Amino acid sequence: MWLQHLVNSLDSISNQKLRLAFWIIDHLDKENQLIMTQRAIAEASGMSLDTVSKTIRALCEGNPAFLQKINSGAYRVNPEVIFKGSHSNRMGVCYEYVETNIKAKNTQIEGQMEIKDVNCNIE
């Protein structure tokens, strides 16, 4: 309940990017996820696609990142930053959040290894 009051209070004085962050928080499911494409978020929030894209990119960066991209149409808010739900649900979401980060890092490492292999074959 207090979260909605905070969102309403800051919504009137904040810029578009902050408004979008609060809009995302307000539309999370029980697993701290927002299952929507950026285009759908733009339409539903009444913001431009450019603003949504830039804001989501910024929210996915940082340490700790506020937002995690699960796939092209799903995002998860970092449960260490904010969580809507019970403690036991939060623990499950924390586990999923960490697992998704590990998979993303492994994919990035594999991609870098493939690039090195290509470079070795070229020489």
C-alpha atoms as a PDB file:
ATOM      1  CA  MET A   1       0.000   0.000   0.000  1.00  0.00           C
ATOM      2  CA  TRP A   2       2.778   2.452   0.855  1.00  0.00           C
ATOM      3  CA  LEU A   3       4.387   1.803  -2.516  1.00  0.00           C
ATOM      4  CA  GLN A   4       1.332   3.088  -4.371  1.00  0.00           C
ATOM      5  CA  HIS A   5       1.383   6.260  -2.278  1.00  0.00           C
ATOM      6  CA  LEU A   6       5.055   6.751  -3.089  1.00  0.00           C
ATOM      7  CA  VAL A   7       4.417   6.197  -6.800  1.00  0.00           C
ATOM      8  CA  ASN A   8       1.523   8.675  -6.821  1.00  0.00           C
ATOM      9  CA  SER A   9       3.529  11.291  -4.943  1.00  0.00           C
ATOM     10  CA  LEU A  10       6.623  11.144  -7.119  1.00  0.00           C
ATOM     11  CA  ASP A  11       4.747  10.651 -10.378  1.00  0.00           C
ATOM     12  CA  SER A  12       3.594  14.257 -10.497  1.00  0.00           C
ATOM     13  CA  ILE A  13       7.093  15.720 -10.019  1.00  0.00           C
ATOM     14  CA  SER A  14       9.352  13.276 -11.822  1.00  0.00           C
ATOM     15  CA  ASN A  15      10.644  12.962 -15.343  1.00  0.00           C
ATOM     16  CA  GLN A  16       9.518  10.341 -17.859  1.00  0.00           C
ATOM     17  CA  LYS A  17      12.261   7.844 -16.985  1.00  0.00           C
ATOM     18  CA  LEU A  18      11.446   7.852 -13.296  1.00  0.00           C
ATOM     19  CA  ARG A  19       7.749   7.610 -14.121  1.00  0.00           C
ATOM     20  CA  LEU A  20       8.462   4.522 -16.228  1.00  0.00           C
ATOM     21  CA  ALA A  21      10.444   2.876 -13.413  1.00  0.00           C
ATOM     22  CA  PHE A  22       7.484   3.374 -11.087  1.00  0.00           C
ATOM     23  CA  TRP A  23       5.076   2.193 -13.786  1.00  0.00           C
ATOM     24  CA  ILE A  24       7.091  -1.024 -14.087  1.00  0.00           C
ATOM     25  CA  ILE A  25       7.011  -1.540 -10.309  1.00  0.00           C
ATOM     26  CA  ASP A  26       3.260  -1.006 -10.297  1.00  0.00           C
ATOM     27  CA  HIS A  27       2.718  -3.648 -13.026  1.00  0.00           C
ATOM     28  CA  LEU A  28       4.880  -6.498 -11.708  1.00  0.00           C
ATOM     29  CA  ASP A  29       3.425  -9.973 -11.317  1.00  0.00           C
ATOM     30  CA  LYS A  30       3.910 -12.191  -8.248  1.00  0.00           C
ATOM     31  CA  GLU A  31       7.338 -13.254  -9.517  1.00  0.00           C
ATOM     32  CA  ASN A  32       8.601  -9.661  -9.835  1.00  0.00           C
ATOM     33  CA  GLN A  33       8.273  -9.901 -13.620  1.00  0.00           C
ATOM     34  CA  LEU A  34       6.841  -7.655 -16.267  1.00  0.00           C
ATOM     35  CA  ILE A  35       5.891  -9.778 -19.277  1.00  0.00           C
ATOM     36  CA  MET A  36       5.602  -7.195 -22.055  1.00  0.00           C
ATOM     37  CA  THR A  37       7.594  -6.091 -25.057  1.00  0.00           C
ATOM     38  CA  GLN A  38       9.038  -2.592 -25.071  1.00  0.00           C
ATOM     39  CA  ARG A  39       6.455  -1.586 -27.664  1.00  0.00           C
ATOM     40  CA  ALA A  40       3.606  -2.861 -25.450  1.00  0.00           C
ATOM     41  CA  ILE A  41       5.110  -1.060 -22.444  1.00  0.00           C
ATOM     42  CA  ALA A  42       5.248   2.167 -24.454  1.00  0.00           C
ATOM     43  CA  GLU A  43       1.613   1.838 -25.503  1.00  0.00           C
ATOM     44  CA  ALA A  44       0.357   0.870 -22.044  1.00  0.00           C
ATOM     45  CA  SER A  45       2.351   3.540 -20.197  1.00  0.00           C
ATOM     46  CA  GLY A  46       1.664   6.305 -22.720  1.00  0.00           C
ATOM     47  CA  MET A  47       5.371   6.954 -23.288  1.00  0.00           C
ATOM     48  CA  SER A  48       7.403   6.949 -26.448  1.00  0.00           C
ATOM     49  CA  LEU A  49       9.156   3.779 -27.562  1.00  0.00           C
ATOM     50  CA  ASP A  50      12.457   5.689 -27.526  1.00  0.00           C
ATOM     51  CA  THR A  51      11.973   6.688 -23.875  1.00  0.00           C
ATOM     52  CA  VAL A  52      11.026   3.130 -22.940  1.00  0.00           C
ATOM     53  CA  SER A  53      14.048   1.645 -24.748  1.00  0.00           C
ATOM     54  CA  LYS A  54      16.529   4.078 -23.211  1.00  0.00           C
ATOM     55  CA  THR A  55      15.041   3.720 -19.742  1.00  0.00           C
ATOM     56  CA  ILE A  56      15.000  -0.067 -19.807  1.00  0.00           C
ATOM     57  CA  ARG A  57      18.596  -0.121 -21.028  1.00  0.00           C
ATOM     58  CA  ALA A  58      19.599   2.203 -18.164  1.00  0.00           C
ATOM     59  CA  LEU A  59      17.677   0.160 -15.592  1.00  0.00           C
ATOM     60  CA  CYS A  60      19.432  -3.029 -16.757  1.00  0.00           C
ATOM     61  CA  GLU A  61      22.842  -1.447 -16.150  1.00  0.00           C
ATOM     62  CA  GLY A  62      24.419  -0.554 -12.854  1.00  0.00           C
ATOM     63  CA  ASN A  63      25.491  -2.502  -9.838  1.00  0.00           C
ATOM     64  CA  PRO A  64      23.140  -3.785  -8.676  1.00  0.00           C
ATOM     65  CA  ALA A  65      20.990  -3.565 -11.766  1.00  0.00           C
ATOM     66  CA  PHE A  66      17.393  -2.594 -11.064  1.00  0.00           C
ATOM     67  CA  LEU A  67      16.013  -4.564 -13.994  1.00  0.00           C
ATOM     68  CA  GLN A  68      17.005  -7.866 -15.595  1.00  0.00           C
ATOM     69  CA  LYS A  69      16.092  -8.844 -19.139  1.00  0.00           C
ATOM     70  CA  ILE A  70      14.803 -12.426 -19.124  1.00  0.00           C
ATOM     71  CA  ASN A  71      14.075 -12.544 -22.859  1.00  0.00           C
ATOM     72  CA  SER A  72      12.794 -10.223 -25.586  1.00  0.00           C
ATOM     73  CA  GLY A  73       9.389  -9.807 -23.941  1.00  0.00           C
ATOM     74  CA  ALA A  74      10.045 -10.280 -20.245  1.00  0.00           C
ATOM     75  CA  TYR A  75      11.869  -8.389 -17.521  1.00  0.00           C
ATOM     76  CA  ARG A  76      12.406  -9.018 -13.805  1.00  0.00           C
ATOM     77  CA  VAL A  77      13.006  -6.374 -11.159  1.00  0.00           C
ATOM     78  CA  ASN A  78      15.930  -7.257  -8.918  1.00  0.00           C
ATOM     79  CA  PRO A  79      14.367  -8.767  -5.769  1.00  0.00           C
ATOM     80  CA  GLU A  80      17.272  -7.380  -3.741  1.00  0.00           C
ATOM     81  CA  VAL A  81      16.121  -3.879  -4.695  1.00  0.00           C
ATOM     82  CA  ILE A  82      12.347  -4.257  -4.365  1.00  0.00           C
ATOM     83  CA  PHE A  83       9.905  -7.132  -4.112  1.00  0.00           C
ATOM     84  CA  LYS A  84       6.139  -7.386  -3.973  1.00  0.00           C
ATOM     85  CA  GLY A  85       5.121 -10.516  -2.083  1.00  0.00           C
ATOM     86  CA  SER A  86       5.979 -12.860   0.756  1.00  0.00           C
ATOM     87  CA  HIS A  87       9.442 -13.708   2.044  1.00  0.00           C
ATOM     88  CA  SER A  88       9.289 -17.278   0.725  1.00  0.00           C
ATOM     89  CA  ASN A  89       8.267 -16.061  -2.734  1.00  0.00           C
ATOM     90  CA  ARG A  90      11.101 -13.533  -2.635  1.00  0.00           C
ATOM     91  CA  MET A  91      13.620 -16.299  -1.929  1.00  0.00           C
ATOM     92  CA  GLY A  92      12.423 -18.233  -4.989  1.00  0.00           C
ATOM     93  CA  VAL A  93      12.624 -15.136  -7.163  1.00  0.00           C
ATOM     94  CA  CYS A  94      16.115 -14.364  -5.819  1.00  0.00           C
ATOM     95  CA  TYR A  95      17.200 -17.836  -6.921  1.00  0.00           C
ATOM     96  CA  GLU A  96      15.715 -17.326 -10.416  1.00  0.00           C
ATOM     97  CA  TYR A  97      17.366 -13.909 -10.659  1.00  0.00           C
ATOM     98  CA  VAL A  98      20.802 -15.344  -9.856  1.00  0.00           C
ATOM     99  CA  GLU A  99      20.309 -18.275 -12.258  1.00  0.00           C
ATOM    100  CA  THR A 100      19.366 -15.914 -15.100  1.00  0.00           C
ATOM    101  CA  ASN A 101      22.489 -13.813 -14.419  1.00  0.00           C
ATOM    102  CA  ILE A 102      24.677 -16.934 -14.491  1.00  0.00           C
ATOM    103  CA  LYS A 103      23.149 -18.078 -17.793  1.00  0.00           C
ATOM    104  CA  ALA A 104      23.639 -14.619 -19.310  1.00  0.00           C
ATOM    105  CA  LYS A 105      27.289 -14.515 -18.228  1.00  0.00           C
ATOM    106  CA  ASN A 106      27.914 -18.041 -19.571  1.00  0.00           C
ATOM    107  CA  THR A 107      26.342 -17.077 -22.893  1.00  0.00           C
ATOM    108  CA  GLN A 108      28.523 -13.973 -23.035  1.00  0.00           C
ATOM    109  CA  ILE A 109      31.670 -16.013 -22.269  1.00  0.00           C
ATOM    110  CA  GLU A 110      30.759 -18.598 -24.935  1.00  0.00           C
ATOM    111  CA  GLY A 111      30.266 -15.788 -27.449  1.00  0.00           C
ATOM    112  CA  GLN A 112      33.669 -14.349 -26.622  1.00  0.00           C
ATOM    113  CA  MET A 113      35.265 -17.783 -26.994  1.00  0.00           C
ATOM    114  CA  GLU A 114      33.662 -18.191 -30.434  1.00  0.00           C
ATOM    115  CA  ILE A 115      35.057 -14.818 -31.490  1.00  0.00           C
ATOM    116  CA  LYS A 116      38.550 -15.876 -30.332  1.00  0.00           C
ATOM    117  CA  ASP A 117      38.210 -19.161 -32.257  1.00  0.00           C
ATOM    118  CA  VAL A 118      37.264 -17.239 -35.398  1.00  0.00           C
ATOM    119  CA  ASN A 119      40.259 -14.949 -34.925  1.00  0.00           C
ATOM    120  CA  CYS A 120      42.551 -17.979 -34.545  1.00  0.00           C
ATOM    121  CA  ASN A 121      41.223 -19.501 -37.761  1.00  0.00           C
ATOM    122  CA  ILE A 122      41.783 -16.248 -39.654  1.00  0.00           C
ATOM    123  CA  GLU A 123      45.460 -15.989 -38.675  1.00  0.00           C
END
